[in-house]
Protein backbone atom coordinates (compact mmCIF):
# COMPACT_ATOMS: atom_id res chain seq x y z
CA MET A 1 153.83 25.77 -2.17
CA PRO A 2 151.32 22.40 -1.01
CA ILE A 3 152.68 22.30 2.82
CA TYR A 4 150.00 21.03 4.86
CA ALA A 5 149.18 20.36 8.63
CA LEU A 6 147.09 18.00 9.21
CA GLY A 7 144.67 17.86 12.22
CA ASP A 8 147.40 18.77 14.86
CA GLN A 9 150.73 17.56 13.00
CA VAL A 10 151.89 20.78 11.30
CA PRO A 11 155.38 20.36 9.56
CA GLU A 12 158.30 22.45 10.60
CA ILE A 13 160.53 23.91 7.88
CA HIS A 14 163.61 25.59 8.96
CA PRO A 15 163.82 28.99 7.78
CA THR A 16 166.76 28.72 5.49
CA ALA A 17 165.91 25.25 3.73
CA TYR A 18 164.52 25.44 0.60
CA VAL A 19 161.18 23.17 -0.97
CA HIS A 20 160.01 23.31 -3.95
CA PRO A 21 156.20 24.77 -5.05
CA ASP A 22 155.61 21.67 -6.93
CA ALA A 23 156.90 19.03 -3.82
CA ILE A 24 154.28 18.20 -1.05
CA VAL A 25 155.45 18.29 2.84
CA ILE A 26 151.70 16.68 5.27
CA GLY A 27 151.79 16.76 8.44
CA SER A 28 154.66 15.52 11.49
CA VAL A 29 157.61 16.51 8.83
CA THR A 30 160.74 17.92 10.23
CA ILE A 31 162.70 19.32 7.50
CA GLY A 32 166.47 21.15 8.72
CA PRO A 33 168.42 24.08 8.03
CA GLU A 34 169.35 24.51 4.49
CA ALA A 35 167.96 21.58 3.29
CA THR A 36 166.26 20.97 -0.17
CA VAL A 37 163.10 19.13 -0.72
CA TRP A 38 162.48 18.76 -5.30
CA PRO A 39 160.26 19.12 -7.22
CA GLY A 40 158.01 16.03 -7.11
CA ALA A 41 158.96 15.30 -3.97
CA VAL A 42 156.39 13.70 -1.15
CA LEU A 43 156.71 13.69 2.45
CA ARG A 44 153.61 12.08 3.80
CA GLY A 45 154.45 12.51 7.91
CA ASP A 46 150.33 10.99 8.36
CA TYR A 47 150.97 7.80 10.29
CA GLY A 48 154.72 8.88 12.22
CA THR A 49 157.51 10.49 11.63
CA ILE A 50 159.73 12.39 9.59
CA SER A 51 163.24 13.99 9.34
CA VAL A 52 165.45 15.65 7.47
CA GLY A 53 168.59 17.05 8.55
CA ALA A 54 170.46 19.90 7.64
CA ARG A 55 171.98 20.42 4.15
CA THR A 56 170.70 16.88 3.21
CA SER A 57 168.74 16.96 -0.37
CA ILE A 58 165.16 15.31 -1.35
CA GLN A 59 165.17 15.17 -4.54
CA ASP A 60 162.39 15.03 -8.01
CA GLY A 61 160.54 12.20 -7.47
CA THR A 62 161.25 11.43 -4.07
CA VAL A 63 158.82 9.91 -1.77
CA VAL A 64 159.78 9.58 2.33
CA HIS A 65 156.41 7.78 3.80
CA THR A 66 156.56 6.36 7.86
CA THR A 67 154.86 3.51 10.00
CA PRO A 68 152.43 3.88 13.46
CA ARG A 69 156.06 2.15 14.38
CA TRP A 70 158.77 3.59 13.01
CA PRO A 71 159.72 7.03 11.64
CA THR A 72 161.84 8.15 8.73
CA GLU A 73 164.83 9.62 10.12
CA ILE A 74 167.47 11.28 7.35
CA GLY A 75 170.72 12.36 8.99
CA ALA A 76 172.20 16.07 7.88
CA GLU A 77 174.70 16.05 5.10
CA CYS A 78 172.16 13.83 2.86
CA VAL A 79 172.35 12.85 -0.79
CA VAL A 80 169.01 11.40 -1.39
CA GLY A 81 168.76 10.51 -5.07
CA HIS A 82 165.82 11.17 -7.75
CA ASN A 83 163.10 8.74 -7.16
CA ALA A 84 163.84 6.69 -4.07
CA HIS A 85 161.44 5.60 -1.64
CA LEU A 86 161.97 5.49 1.87
CA GLU A 87 159.79 4.44 4.55
CA GLY A 88 160.34 3.94 8.20
CA CYS A 89 163.94 3.45 8.36
CA ARG A 90 166.87 5.45 9.35
CA VAL A 91 169.63 7.10 7.08
CA ASP A 92 172.61 8.36 8.71
CA ASP A 93 174.54 11.47 8.69
CA ARG A 94 176.61 12.06 4.65
CA CYS A 95 175.33 8.98 2.65
CA LEU A 96 174.11 8.72 -0.26
CA VAL A 97 170.85 7.42 -1.33
CA GLY A 98 170.96 6.93 -4.87
CA SER A 99 167.96 7.41 -7.42
CA ASN A 100 165.47 4.68 -7.63
CA SER A 101 166.81 3.29 -5.11
CA THR A 102 164.44 1.94 -2.02
CA VAL A 103 165.15 1.52 1.85
CA LEU A 104 162.23 0.26 3.43
CA ASN A 105 160.98 -0.34 6.96
CA ARG A 106 163.58 -0.79 10.23
CA ALA A 107 166.81 -1.23 7.84
CA GLY A 108 169.54 1.51 8.87
CA VAL A 109 171.79 2.73 6.63
CA GLY A 110 175.23 3.19 8.97
CA ARG A 111 176.90 6.88 8.63
CA GLY A 112 179.17 7.34 5.36
CA SER A 113 177.07 4.50 3.47
CA VAL A 114 176.24 4.50 -0.38
CA ILE A 115 172.97 3.03 -1.52
CA GLY A 116 173.08 2.51 -4.98
CA ALA A 117 170.87 3.44 -8.31
CA GLY A 118 167.67 1.23 -7.83
CA ALA A 119 169.15 -0.48 -4.90
CA VAL A 120 166.82 -2.36 -2.30
CA VAL A 121 167.19 -2.02 1.08
CA THR A 122 164.84 -4.83 2.59
CA GLU A 123 163.06 -4.79 5.97
CA ASP A 124 165.47 -4.84 8.97
CA THR A 125 169.14 -5.04 7.34
CA GLU A 126 171.57 -2.90 8.71
CA VAL A 127 173.96 -1.71 6.59
CA PRO A 128 177.31 -0.97 7.87
CA ALA A 129 179.04 2.95 8.81
CA GLY A 130 181.01 3.39 5.29
CA SER A 131 179.91 0.57 3.20
CA THR A 132 177.45 0.27 -0.20
CA ALA A 133 175.14 -2.15 -0.91
CA LEU A 134 173.66 -2.62 -4.55
CA GLY A 135 171.48 -4.58 -6.12
CA VAL A 136 167.76 -6.09 -5.76
CA PRO A 137 168.21 -7.01 -2.53
CA ALA A 138 170.86 -5.41 -1.80
CA ARG A 139 173.84 -6.72 -1.06
CA ILE A 140 175.98 -5.22 1.77
CA ARG A 141 180.07 -4.57 0.98
CA VAL A 142 181.33 -3.24 3.64
CA GLY A 143 184.57 -0.12 3.58
CA GLY A 144 186.74 1.24 0.80
CA ILE A 145 184.14 4.93 1.23
CA ASP A 146 185.64 8.45 0.55
CA ALA A 147 184.64 9.89 3.68
CA ASN A 148 184.65 12.94 1.78
CA ARG A 149 183.22 11.57 -1.61
CA HIS A 150 179.39 13.56 -0.29
CA ASP A 151 180.68 16.89 -0.09
CA GLU A 152 180.33 18.64 -3.56
CA ALA A 153 177.45 17.33 -3.90
CA VAL A 154 176.09 18.72 -0.51
CA ALA A 155 177.14 22.29 -1.13
CA ARG A 156 175.86 21.95 -4.64
CA TYR A 157 172.54 21.14 -3.60
CA VAL A 158 172.61 24.43 -1.12
CA ASP A 159 173.67 26.61 -3.40
CA ASN A 160 171.31 25.91 -5.65
CA GLY A 161 168.18 25.57 -3.12
CA ARG A 162 169.69 29.36 -2.78
CA ARG A 163 169.49 30.07 -5.63
CA TYR A 164 165.94 28.59 -6.70
CA ALA A 165 165.16 30.44 -3.51
CA VAL A 166 166.15 33.95 -5.19
CA GLU A 167 165.72 33.52 -9.19
CA LEU A 168 162.61 30.43 -9.37
CA LYS A 169 159.67 32.34 -10.79
CA PRO A 170 156.59 31.61 -12.60
CA VAL A 171 156.02 32.16 -16.51
CA THR A 172 152.43 33.16 -15.77
CA SER A 173 152.21 34.24 -19.82
CA ARG A 174 154.43 32.08 -22.86
CA THR A 175 156.19 33.80 -25.76
CA ASN A 176 155.36 32.34 -28.92
CA THR A 177 158.78 32.54 -30.85
CA GLU A 178 159.05 31.96 -34.40
CA HIS A 179 160.97 29.34 -35.22
CA THR A 180 162.73 29.26 -38.74
CA THR A 181 164.40 25.62 -39.88
CA ASN A 182 166.46 25.32 -42.80
CA ARG A 183 165.06 22.91 -45.28
């Protein structure tokens, strides 16, 4: 599994967290209990710190980076969708960050908020708790979020991390299977 120290910056990964063998974790990164990091995700804590809270899912292809001045903080029970980009920002507990979305430096996403798929939360933007941010640049709609909407997704990724920790096995040889087609 590509987990790297960078000088004296060493990732801290809770023993109950699951990091897929094809994810990359470098430097000052802390991953909390029952969090999951999926294939192709890159968490690069070379310039500053990255923290991922308990039961948070960082999905396939996501890039999490940081800056020397602004850490990247992702709270507990968040779902960060496929191919998202988070850099130098704060995402509070129980948020959904949609696939292909971007949250940039000094932005803050309040507890229980949703960043829609493909949205761009620009620098210095504050998304209030329980809000939705949609579009490029993101437009914010305050309120209207069901506080429990993420429970199923959070539980599913925690369970999937446990399953992968036990069941994922590399296939070292391929068996040729004869395929027949009807003509």
